[in-house]
Amino acid sequence: MKLDLESDKTGFEERPVLRHRGASAARTTDSVIEEVPVALVFNGISHAVMMVTPRDLQPFAMGFALTEGLVSKAADVFDIEVREHARSFEIDVTIASEDFVQLKQQRRSMAGRSGCGVCGIESLELLDLQPERISAAPLHAEGGLQPAIAVAAAQLGQHQELMRATGGVHAAAWCDAQGNVLRVCEDVGRHNALDKLIGHLALEGTDMRRGFVFMSSRASYELVRKAARMNIPMLATISAPSTLAIDIAAEAGIKLVSFCRQDGCVEYT
């Protein structure tokens, strides 16, 4: 499958503002992150509408298909076509027939929001909170865990283009075992940022067992669940984890590390 991964979309817009400083005010412009509805359509059937920053939409669709378990491997995605409308996007994804049969059997309607990964699920039975254990071996960073976390924490900001412009996005970074940041994806939603990152890695054929994900967000359950589906051995986050994130990470065999800074971190599993 050949995709056009380049995009002329900046992911933000300039909006007029009145900026106050002390007793004075001045009219100027501010860079504001874009958030638009993106419909994901698989083999002609609408599956989900997510609120997404309109960049890296083809990797986003690939990552979503993989991390939501709609396909078992990247090779089962045959084509991804992005259609832009006036104030929204539609992504047409062609997947293997066997995956599509399974998708129709488990089909759910899901309206995603920037802070939510399960909005619109029709029943509790459709909420998959029991991951299989990953087969990836534990990461062995030279010098231990904290030096790798310190490297990732020091490097992440250098790659956060949208964050510098707008101050309002999450970042998902792929790091090698030593913590070097190799790729970063940003989005208004933390789970969208992770899907974009995983989509890029899958399209590039990256072995996700040999590195870790570093997130600028808290560690929520859906981030851990997505990492587990991709056999990623460690998830590190800048902010706090939830109890469910810790439980799922422990069950899947994923190392979960939060409150990550250059001078320390907290290991939960």
C-alpha atoms as a PDB file:
ATOM      1  CA  MET A   1       0.000   0.000   0.000  1.00  0.00           C
ATOM      2  CA  LYS A   2       1.391   3.374  -1.044  1.00  0.00           C
ATOM      3  CA  LEU A   3       0.193   6.323   1.003  1.00  0.00           C
ATOM      4  CA  ASP A   4       0.693  10.046   0.761  1.00  0.00           C
ATOM      5  CA  LEU A   5       2.026  10.800   4.234  1.00  0.00           C
ATOM      6  CA  GLU A   6       2.835  14.424   3.508  1.00  0.00           C
ATOM      7  CA  SER A   7       0.263  17.050   4.465  1.00  0.00           C
ATOM      8  CA  ASP A   8       0.047  20.774   3.932  1.00  0.00           C
ATOM      9  CA  LYS A   9      -2.124  21.078   7.033  1.00  0.00           C
ATOM     10  CA  THR A  10      -0.487  22.983   9.869  1.00  0.00           C
ATOM     11  CA  GLY A  11      -2.917  21.699  12.478  1.00  0.00           C
ATOM     12  CA  PHE A  12      -3.646  25.178  13.820  1.00  0.00           C
ATOM     13  CA  GLU A  13      -5.238  28.447  12.741  1.00  0.00           C
ATOM     14  CA  GLU A  14      -4.582  32.081  13.496  1.00  0.00           C
ATOM     15  CA  ARG A  15      -7.500  33.689  15.331  1.00  0.00           C
ATOM     16  CA  PRO A  16      -7.963  37.345  16.368  1.00  0.00           C
ATOM     17  CA  VAL A  17      -7.618  37.975  20.095  1.00  0.00           C
ATOM     18  CA  LEU A  18      -7.467  40.848  22.555  1.00  0.00           C
ATOM     19  CA  ARG A  19      -4.348  40.265  24.632  1.00  0.00           C
ATOM     20  CA  HIS A  20      -4.315  41.822  28.100  1.00  0.00           C
ATOM     21  CA  ARG A  21      -1.097  42.730  29.896  1.00  0.00           C
ATOM     22  CA  GLY A  22      -1.573  44.554  33.172  1.00  0.00           C
ATOM     23  CA  ALA A  23      -3.718  47.606  32.529  1.00  0.00           C
ATOM     24  CA  SER A  24      -3.217  47.575  28.749  1.00  0.00           C
ATOM     25  CA  ALA A  25      -4.779  45.528  25.944  1.00  0.00           C
ATOM     26  CA  ALA A  26      -3.760  45.004  22.341  1.00  0.00           C
ATOM     27  CA  ARG A  27      -5.453  43.390  19.366  1.00  0.00           C
ATOM     28  CA  THR A  28      -3.331  40.643  17.827  1.00  0.00           C
ATOM     29  CA  THR A  29      -3.623  37.023  16.679  1.00  0.00           C
ATOM     30  CA  ASP A  30      -3.151  33.725  18.459  1.00  0.00           C
ATOM     31  CA  SER A  31      -2.343  30.265  17.106  1.00  0.00           C
ATOM     32  CA  VAL A  32      -5.179  27.901  18.054  1.00  0.00           C
ATOM     33  CA  ILE A  33      -5.113  24.125  17.634  1.00  0.00           C
ATOM     34  CA  GLU A  34      -7.619  22.672  15.155  1.00  0.00           C
ATOM     35  CA  GLU A  35     -10.211  20.157  16.312  1.00  0.00           C
ATOM     36  CA  VAL A  36     -12.465  18.697  13.614  1.00  0.00           C
ATOM     37  CA  PRO A  37     -14.765  15.673  13.279  1.00  0.00           C
ATOM     38  CA  VAL A  38     -13.166  12.815  11.385  1.00  0.00           C
ATOM     39  CA  ALA A  39     -15.364   9.932  10.228  1.00  0.00           C
ATOM     40  CA  LEU A  40     -13.672   6.545   9.949  1.00  0.00           C
ATOM     41  CA  VAL A  41     -15.326   4.375   7.304  1.00  0.00           C
ATOM     42  CA  PHE A  42     -14.275   0.739   6.891  1.00  0.00           C
ATOM     43  CA  ASN A  43     -15.184  -1.017   3.645  1.00  0.00           C
ATOM     44  CA  GLY A  44     -17.974   1.484   3.063  1.00  0.00           C
ATOM     45  CA  ILE A  45     -19.528   1.279   6.543  1.00  0.00           C
ATOM     46  CA  SER A  46     -19.144   4.148   9.001  1.00  0.00           C
ATOM     47  CA  HIS A  47     -17.572   2.924  12.235  1.00  0.00           C
ATOM     48  CA  ALA A  48     -16.627   5.938  14.354  1.00  0.00           C
ATOM     49  CA  VAL A  49     -16.466   9.721  14.438  1.00  0.00           C
ATOM     50  CA  MET A  50     -13.498  11.117  16.357  1.00  0.00           C
ATOM     51  CA  MET A  51     -12.512  14.690  17.147  1.00  0.00           C
ATOM     52  CA  VAL A  52      -8.994  15.003  15.724  1.00  0.00           C
ATOM     53  CA  THR A  53      -6.350  17.549  14.792  1.00  0.00           C
ATOM     54  CA  PRO A  54      -6.223  17.272  10.950  1.00  0.00           C
ATOM     55  CA  ARG A  55      -2.632  16.159  10.521  1.00  0.00           C
ATOM     56  CA  ASP A  56      -1.251  12.640   9.942  1.00  0.00           C
ATOM     57  CA  LEU A  57      -4.744  11.380   9.139  1.00  0.00           C
ATOM     58  CA  GLN A  58      -3.633   8.324   7.170  1.00  0.00           C
ATOM     59  CA  PRO A  59      -1.344   7.108   9.978  1.00  0.00           C
ATOM     60  CA  PHE A  60      -4.172   7.931  12.391  1.00  0.00           C
ATOM     61  CA  ALA A  61      -6.538   5.603  10.522  1.00  0.00           C
ATOM     62  CA  MET A  62      -3.896   2.856  10.408  1.00  0.00           C
ATOM     63  CA  GLY A  63      -3.154   3.227  14.103  1.00  0.00           C
ATOM     64  CA  PHE A  64      -6.837   3.296  15.031  1.00  0.00           C
ATOM     65  CA  ALA A  65      -7.512   0.115  13.059  1.00  0.00           C
ATOM     66  CA  LEU A  66      -4.632  -1.659  14.818  1.00  0.00           C
ATOM     67  CA  THR A  67      -5.056  -0.382  18.368  1.00  0.00           C
ATOM     68  CA  GLU A  68      -8.816  -0.904  18.380  1.00  0.00           C
ATOM     69  CA  GLY A  69      -8.303  -4.484  17.192  1.00  0.00           C
ATOM     70  CA  LEU A  70     -10.170  -3.966  13.917  1.00  0.00           C
ATOM     71  CA  VAL A  71      -7.281  -5.611  12.043  1.00  0.00           C
ATOM     72  CA  SER A  72      -4.593  -7.894  13.389  1.00  0.00           C
ATOM     73  CA  LYS A  73      -1.706  -6.527  11.327  1.00  0.00           C
ATOM     74  CA  ALA A  74      -0.841  -3.578   9.114  1.00  0.00           C
ATOM     75  CA  ALA A  75      -0.852  -5.758   5.997  1.00  0.00           C
ATOM     76  CA  ASP A  76      -4.611  -6.252   6.449  1.00  0.00           C
ATOM     77  CA  VAL A  77      -5.151  -2.576   5.632  1.00  0.00           C
ATOM     78  CA  PHE A  78      -5.188  -2.353   1.837  1.00  0.00           C
ATOM     79  CA  ASP A  79      -5.894   1.330   1.253  1.00  0.00           C
ATOM     80  CA  ILE A  80      -6.540   4.562   3.143  1.00  0.00           C
ATOM     81  CA  GLU A  81      -8.114   7.547   1.397  1.00  0.00           C
ATOM     82  CA  VAL A  82      -8.737  10.885   3.091  1.00  0.00           C
ATOM     83  CA  ARG A  83     -11.604  13.083   1.872  1.00  0.00           C
ATOM     84  CA  GLU A  84     -11.809  16.679   3.071  1.00  0.00           C
ATOM     85  CA  HIS A  85     -15.175  18.391   3.458  1.00  0.00           C
ATOM     86  CA  ALA A  86     -16.064  21.937   4.480  1.00  0.00           C
ATOM     87  CA  ARG A  87     -15.600  21.450   8.236  1.00  0.00           C
ATOM     88  CA  SER A  88     -14.818  17.756   8.562  1.00  0.00           C
ATOM     89  CA  PHE A  89     -12.890  14.827   7.105  1.00  0.00           C
ATOM     90  CA  GLU A  90     -13.807  11.315   6.062  1.00  0.00           C
ATOM     91  CA  ILE A  91     -11.256   8.507   5.942  1.00  0.00           C
ATOM     92  CA  ASP A  92     -12.149   5.526   3.777  1.00  0.00           C
ATOM     93  CA  VAL A  93     -10.220   2.457   4.906  1.00  0.00           C
ATOM     94  CA  THR A  94     -10.200  -0.791   2.947  1.00  0.00           C
ATOM     95  CA  ILE A  95      -9.428  -3.825   5.100  1.00  0.00           C
ATOM     96  CA  ALA A  96      -9.193  -7.568   4.515  1.00  0.00           C
ATOM     97  CA  SER A  97     -12.520  -9.364   4.134  1.00  0.00           C
ATOM     98  CA  GLU A  98     -11.975 -11.619   7.174  1.00  0.00           C
ATOM     99  CA  ASP A  99     -11.330  -8.586   9.373  1.00  0.00           C
ATOM    100  CA  PHE A 100     -14.402  -6.862   7.967  1.00  0.00           C
ATOM    101  CA  VAL A 101     -16.593  -9.865   8.772  1.00  0.00           C
ATOM    102  CA  GLN A 102     -15.376  -9.759  12.356  1.00  0.00           C
ATOM    103  CA  LEU A 103     -15.858  -5.987  12.483  1.00  0.00           C
ATOM    104  CA  LYS A 104     -19.486  -6.318  11.429  1.00  0.00           C
ATOM    105  CA  GLN A 105     -20.056  -8.944  14.115  1.00  0.00           C
ATOM    106  CA  GLN A 106     -18.632  -6.733  16.861  1.00  0.00           C
ATOM    107  CA  ARG A 107     -19.741  -3.448  15.402  1.00  0.00           C
ATOM    108  CA  ARG A 108     -20.322  -0.600  17.784  1.00  0.00           C
ATOM    109  CA  SER A 109     -21.218   3.021  17.278  1.00  0.00           C
ATOM    110  CA  MET A 110     -18.702   5.290  18.940  1.00  0.00           C
ATOM    111  CA  ALA A 111     -18.659   9.093  19.054  1.00  0.00           C
ATOM    112  CA  GLY A 112     -15.192   9.994  20.289  1.00  0.00           C
ATOM    113  CA  ARG A 113     -14.219  13.208  22.009  1.00  0.00           C
ATOM    114  CA  SER A 114     -10.837  14.740  22.688  1.00  0.00           C
ATOM    115  CA  GLY A 115     -10.822  13.533  26.289  1.00  0.00           C
ATOM    116  CA  CYS A 116     -12.622  10.210  25.941  1.00  0.00           C
ATOM    117  CA  GLY A 117     -11.924   6.875  24.316  1.00  0.00           C
ATOM    118  CA  VAL A 118     -15.184   4.972  24.859  1.00  0.00           C
ATOM    119  CA  CYS A 119     -18.025   7.491  24.298  1.00  0.00           C
ATOM    120  CA  GLY A 120     -21.019   5.817  22.689  1.00  0.00           C
ATOM    121  CA  ILE A 121     -20.195   2.178  23.441  1.00  0.00           C
ATOM    122  CA  GLU A 122     -23.498   0.325  23.477  1.00  0.00           C
ATOM    123  CA  SER A 123     -22.830  -2.086  26.358  1.00  0.00           C
ATOM    124  CA  LEU A 124     -20.244  -2.931  28.998  1.00  0.00           C
ATOM    125  CA  GLU A 125     -19.568  -6.243  27.242  1.00  0.00           C
ATOM    126  CA  LEU A 126     -17.996  -4.330  24.344  1.00  0.00           C
ATOM    127  CA  LEU A 127     -15.458  -2.692  26.643  1.00  0.00           C
ATOM    128  CA  ASP A 128     -12.307  -4.811  26.304  1.00  0.00           C
ATOM    129  CA  LEU A 129     -10.441  -4.531  29.610  1.00  0.00           C
ATOM    130  CA  GLN A 130      -8.780  -7.959  29.651  1.00  0.00           C
ATOM    131  CA  PRO A 131      -5.637  -7.855  27.510  1.00  0.00           C
ATOM    132  CA  GLU A 132      -3.491 -10.840  26.718  1.00  0.00           C
ATOM    133  CA  ARG A 133       0.039 -10.630  28.070  1.00  0.00           C
ATOM    134  CA  ILE A 134       2.511  -9.099  25.661  1.00  0.00           C
ATOM    135  CA  SER A 135       5.302 -11.267  24.302  1.00  0.00           C
ATOM    136  CA  ALA A 136       7.905  -8.495  24.132  1.00  0.00           C
ATOM    137  CA  ALA A 137      10.900  -8.909  26.393  1.00  0.00           C
ATOM    138  CA  PRO A 138      11.479  -6.231  29.055  1.00  0.00           C
ATOM    139  CA  LEU A 139      13.562  -3.288  27.889  1.00  0.00           C
ATOM    140  CA  HIS A 140      17.146  -3.167  29.104  1.00  0.00           C
ATOM    141  CA  ALA A 141      18.449   0.385  28.987  1.00  0.00           C
ATOM    142  CA  GLU A 142      22.098   0.936  29.686  1.00  0.00           C
ATOM    143  CA  GLY A 143      22.379   2.461  33.152  1.00  0.00           C
ATOM    144  CA  GLY A 144      18.806   1.552  34.124  1.00  0.00           C
ATOM    145  CA  LEU A 145      15.324   3.005  33.761  1.00  0.00           C
ATOM    146  CA  GLN A 146      15.784   6.533  35.087  1.00  0.00           C
ATOM    147  CA  PRO A 147      18.579   7.595  32.681  1.00  0.00           C
ATOM    148  CA  ALA A 148      16.372   6.551  29.724  1.00  0.00           C
ATOM    149  CA  ILE A 149      13.400   8.480  31.133  1.00  0.00           C
ATOM    150  CA  ALA A 150      15.631  11.522  31.695  1.00  0.00           C
ATOM    151  CA  VAL A 151      16.779  11.462  28.065  1.00  0.00           C
ATOM    152  CA  ALA A 152      13.198  11.207  26.772  1.00  0.00           C
ATOM    153  CA  ALA A 153      11.999  13.987  29.075  1.00  0.00           C
ATOM    154  CA  ALA A 154      14.835  16.248  27.951  1.00  0.00           C
ATOM    155  CA  GLN A 155      14.248  15.643  24.243  1.00  0.00           C
ATOM    156  CA  LEU A 156      10.453  15.620  23.978  1.00  0.00           C
ATOM    157  CA  GLY A 157       9.942  19.385  23.931  1.00  0.00           C
ATOM    158  CA  GLN A 158      12.294  19.799  20.974  1.00  0.00           C
ATOM    159  CA  HIS A 159       9.845  17.797  18.823  1.00  0.00           C
ATOM    160  CA  GLN A 160       6.571  19.397  19.961  1.00  0.00           C
ATOM    161  CA  GLU A 161       5.951  21.772  17.071  1.00  0.00           C
ATOM    162  CA  LEU A 162       2.207  22.149  17.656  1.00  0.00           C
ATOM    163  CA  MET A 163       2.657  22.576  21.391  1.00  0.00           C
ATOM    164  CA  ARG A 164       5.071  25.438  20.854  1.00  0.00           C
ATOM    165  CA  ALA A 165       2.632  27.084  18.447  1.00  0.00           C
ATOM    166  CA  THR A 166      -0.585  26.612  20.409  1.00  0.00           C
ATOM    167  CA  GLY A 167       0.085  25.345  23.930  1.00  0.00           C
ATOM    168  CA  GLY A 168      -2.884  22.987  23.659  1.00  0.00           C
ATOM    169  CA  VAL A 169      -1.979  19.496  22.411  1.00  0.00           C
ATOM    170  CA  HIS A 170      -0.801  16.113  23.599  1.00  0.00           C
ATOM    171  CA  ALA A 171       2.303  14.402  22.263  1.00  0.00           C
ATOM    172  CA  ALA A 172       3.132  10.729  21.807  1.00  0.00           C
ATOM    173  CA  ALA A 173       6.817   9.941  21.310  1.00  0.00           C
ATOM    174  CA  TRP A 174       8.543   6.751  20.189  1.00  0.00           C
ATOM    175  CA  CYS A 175      11.824   6.244  22.014  1.00  0.00           C
ATOM    176  CA  ASP A 176      14.572   3.667  21.745  1.00  0.00           C
ATOM    177  CA  ALA A 177      15.677   1.697  24.818  1.00  0.00           C
ATOM    178  CA  GLN A 178      18.065   4.496  25.798  1.00  0.00           C
ATOM    179  CA  GLY A 179      15.308   7.119  25.704  1.00  0.00           C
ATOM    180  CA  ASN A 180      16.264   8.845  22.459  1.00  0.00           C
ATOM    181  CA  VAL A 181      13.138  10.343  20.863  1.00  0.00           C
ATOM    182  CA  LEU A 182      12.839   9.016  17.304  1.00  0.00           C
ATOM    183  CA  ARG A 183       9.371  10.236  16.290  1.00  0.00           C
ATOM    184  CA  VAL A 184       6.644  12.424  17.798  1.00  0.00           C
ATOM    185  CA  CYS A 185       2.986  12.833  16.853  1.00  0.00           C
ATOM    186  CA  GLU A 186       0.700  15.506  18.313  1.00  0.00           C
ATOM    187  CA  ASP A 187      -3.055  15.842  18.569  1.00  0.00           C
ATOM    188  CA  VAL A 188      -5.766  17.518  20.606  1.00  0.00           C
ATOM    189  CA  GLY A 189      -6.582  14.042  21.972  1.00  0.00           C
ATOM    190  CA  ARG A 190      -4.004  11.893  23.736  1.00  0.00           C
ATOM    191  CA  HIS A 191      -5.336   8.630  22.300  1.00  0.00           C
ATOM    192  CA  ASN A 192      -5.380  10.180  18.819  1.00  0.00           C
ATOM    193  CA  ALA A 193      -1.726  11.178  19.216  1.00  0.00           C
ATOM    194  CA  LEU A 194      -0.878   7.592  20.144  1.00  0.00           C
ATOM    195  CA  ASP A 195      -2.861   6.190  17.204  1.00  0.00           C
ATOM    196  CA  LYS A 196      -1.002   8.535  14.834  1.00  0.00           C
ATOM    197  CA  LEU A 197       2.334   7.442  16.279  1.00  0.00           C
ATOM    198  CA  ILE A 198       1.518   3.743  16.069  1.00  0.00           C
ATOM    199  CA  GLY A 199       0.205   4.199  12.536  1.00  0.00           C
ATOM    200  CA  HIS A 200       3.491   5.762  11.446  1.00  0.00           C
ATOM    201  CA  LEU A 201       5.499   3.001  13.148  1.00  0.00           C
ATOM    202  CA  ALA A 202       3.370   0.288  11.543  1.00  0.00           C
ATOM    203  CA  LEU A 203       3.680   1.826   8.077  1.00  0.00           C
ATOM    204  CA  GLU A 204       7.452   2.081   8.533  1.00  0.00           C
ATOM    205  CA  GLY A 205       7.717  -1.522   9.730  1.00  0.00           C
ATOM    206  CA  THR A 206       9.170  -0.531  13.109  1.00  0.00           C
ATOM    207  CA  ASP A 207       9.574  -3.326  15.660  1.00  0.00           C
ATOM    208  CA  MET A 208       7.515  -1.945  18.547  1.00  0.00           C
ATOM    209  CA  ARG A 209       8.940  -4.504  20.954  1.00  0.00           C
ATOM    210  CA  ARG A 210      12.283  -2.674  20.996  1.00  0.00           C
ATOM    211  CA  GLY A 211      11.385   0.726  22.370  1.00  0.00           C
ATOM    212  CA  PHE A 212       8.825   2.548  24.465  1.00  0.00           C
ATOM    213  CA  VAL A 213       6.151   5.210  24.197  1.00  0.00           C
ATOM    214  CA  PHE A 214       6.503   8.475  26.105  1.00  0.00           C
ATOM    215  CA  MET A 215       3.322  10.538  26.467  1.00  0.00           C
ATOM    216  CA  SER A 216       2.899  14.157  27.526  1.00  0.00           C
ATOM    217  CA  SER A 217      -0.419  13.241  29.163  1.00  0.00           C
ATOM    218  CA  ARG A 218      -1.677  11.228  32.094  1.00  0.00           C
ATOM    219  CA  ALA A 219      -1.711   7.435  31.792  1.00  0.00           C
ATOM    220  CA  SER A 220      -5.304   6.481  31.063  1.00  0.00           C
ATOM    221  CA  TYR A 221      -6.587   2.974  30.541  1.00  0.00           C
ATOM    222  CA  GLU A 222      -7.078   3.330  26.776  1.00  0.00           C
ATOM    223  CA  LEU A 223      -3.429   4.290  26.226  1.00  0.00           C
ATOM    224  CA  VAL A 224      -2.271   1.157  28.052  1.00  0.00           C
ATOM    225  CA  ARG A 225      -4.814  -0.991  26.197  1.00  0.00           C
ATOM    226  CA  LYS A 226      -3.623   0.326  22.835  1.00  0.00           C
ATOM    227  CA  ALA A 227       0.029  -0.254  23.790  1.00  0.00           C
ATOM    228  CA  ALA A 228      -0.797  -3.810  24.832  1.00  0.00           C
ATOM    229  CA  ARG A 229      -2.369  -4.587  21.465  1.00  0.00           C
ATOM    230  CA  MET A 230       0.856  -3.472  19.762  1.00  0.00           C
ATOM    231  CA  ASN A 231       3.187  -5.484  22.043  1.00  0.00           C
ATOM    232  CA  ILE A 232       4.874  -2.323  23.360  1.00  0.00           C
ATOM    233  CA  PRO A 233       6.828  -3.215  26.523  1.00  0.00           C
ATOM    234  CA  MET A 234       6.717   0.154  28.307  1.00  0.00           C
ATOM    235  CA  LEU A 235       4.509   3.233  28.520  1.00  0.00           C
ATOM    236  CA  ALA A 236       5.894   6.350  30.206  1.00  0.00           C
ATOM    237  CA  THR A 237       3.832   9.456  30.926  1.00  0.00           C
ATOM    238  CA  ILE A 238       4.499  12.907  32.288  1.00  0.00           C
ATOM    239  CA  SER A 239       1.356  12.985  34.431  1.00  0.00           C
ATOM    240  CA  ALA A 240      -0.389  10.544  36.753  1.00  0.00           C
ATOM    241  CA  PRO A 241      -1.874   7.113  35.976  1.00  0.00           C
ATOM    242  CA  SER A 242      -5.359   5.902  36.808  1.00  0.00           C
ATOM    243  CA  THR A 243      -6.023   2.746  38.809  1.00  0.00           C
ATOM    244  CA  LEU A 244      -7.431   1.021  35.721  1.00  0.00           C
ATOM    245  CA  ALA A 245      -4.336   1.936  33.698  1.00  0.00           C
ATOM    246  CA  ILE A 246      -2.159   0.331  36.383  1.00  0.00           C
ATOM    247  CA  ASP A 247      -4.335  -2.797  36.506  1.00  0.00           C
ATOM    248  CA  ILE A 248      -4.355  -3.285  32.732  1.00  0.00           C
ATOM    249  CA  ALA A 249      -0.603  -2.682  32.484  1.00  0.00           C
ATOM    250  CA  ALA A 250       0.018  -5.283  35.195  1.00  0.00           C
ATOM    251  CA  GLU A 251      -2.250  -7.805  33.499  1.00  0.00           C
ATOM    252  CA  ALA A 252      -0.638  -7.232  30.099  1.00  0.00           C
ATOM    253  CA  GLY A 253       2.927  -7.272  31.419  1.00  0.00           C
ATOM    254  CA  ILE A 254       3.615  -3.670  30.406  1.00  0.00           C
ATOM    255  CA  LYS A 255       5.944  -1.526  32.490  1.00  0.00           C
ATOM    256  CA  LEU A 256       4.036   1.633  33.416  1.00  0.00           C
ATOM    257  CA  VAL A 257       6.057   4.651  34.531  1.00  0.00           C
ATOM    258  CA  SER A 258       4.521   8.034  35.342  1.00  0.00           C
ATOM    259  CA  PHE A 259       5.429  11.464  36.733  1.00  0.00           C
ATOM    260  CA  CYS A 260       8.410  11.261  34.394  1.00  0.00           C
ATOM    261  CA  ARG A 261      10.923  14.080  34.759  1.00  0.00           C
ATOM    262  CA  GLN A 262      14.618  14.483  34.059  1.00  0.00           C
ATOM    263  CA  ASP A 263      15.329  13.940  37.754  1.00  0.00           C
ATOM    264  CA  GLY A 264      12.907  11.152  38.606  1.00  0.00           C
ATOM    265  CA  CYS A 265       9.868   8.985  37.841  1.00  0.00           C
ATOM    266  CA  VAL A 266       7.465   6.613  39.553  1.00  0.00           C
ATOM    267  CA  GLU A 267       7.296   2.972  38.425  1.00  0.00           C
ATOM    268  CA  TYR A 268       3.866   1.396  38.934  1.00  0.00           C
ATOM    269  CA  THR A 269       4.246  -2.089  37.430  1.00  0.00           C
END
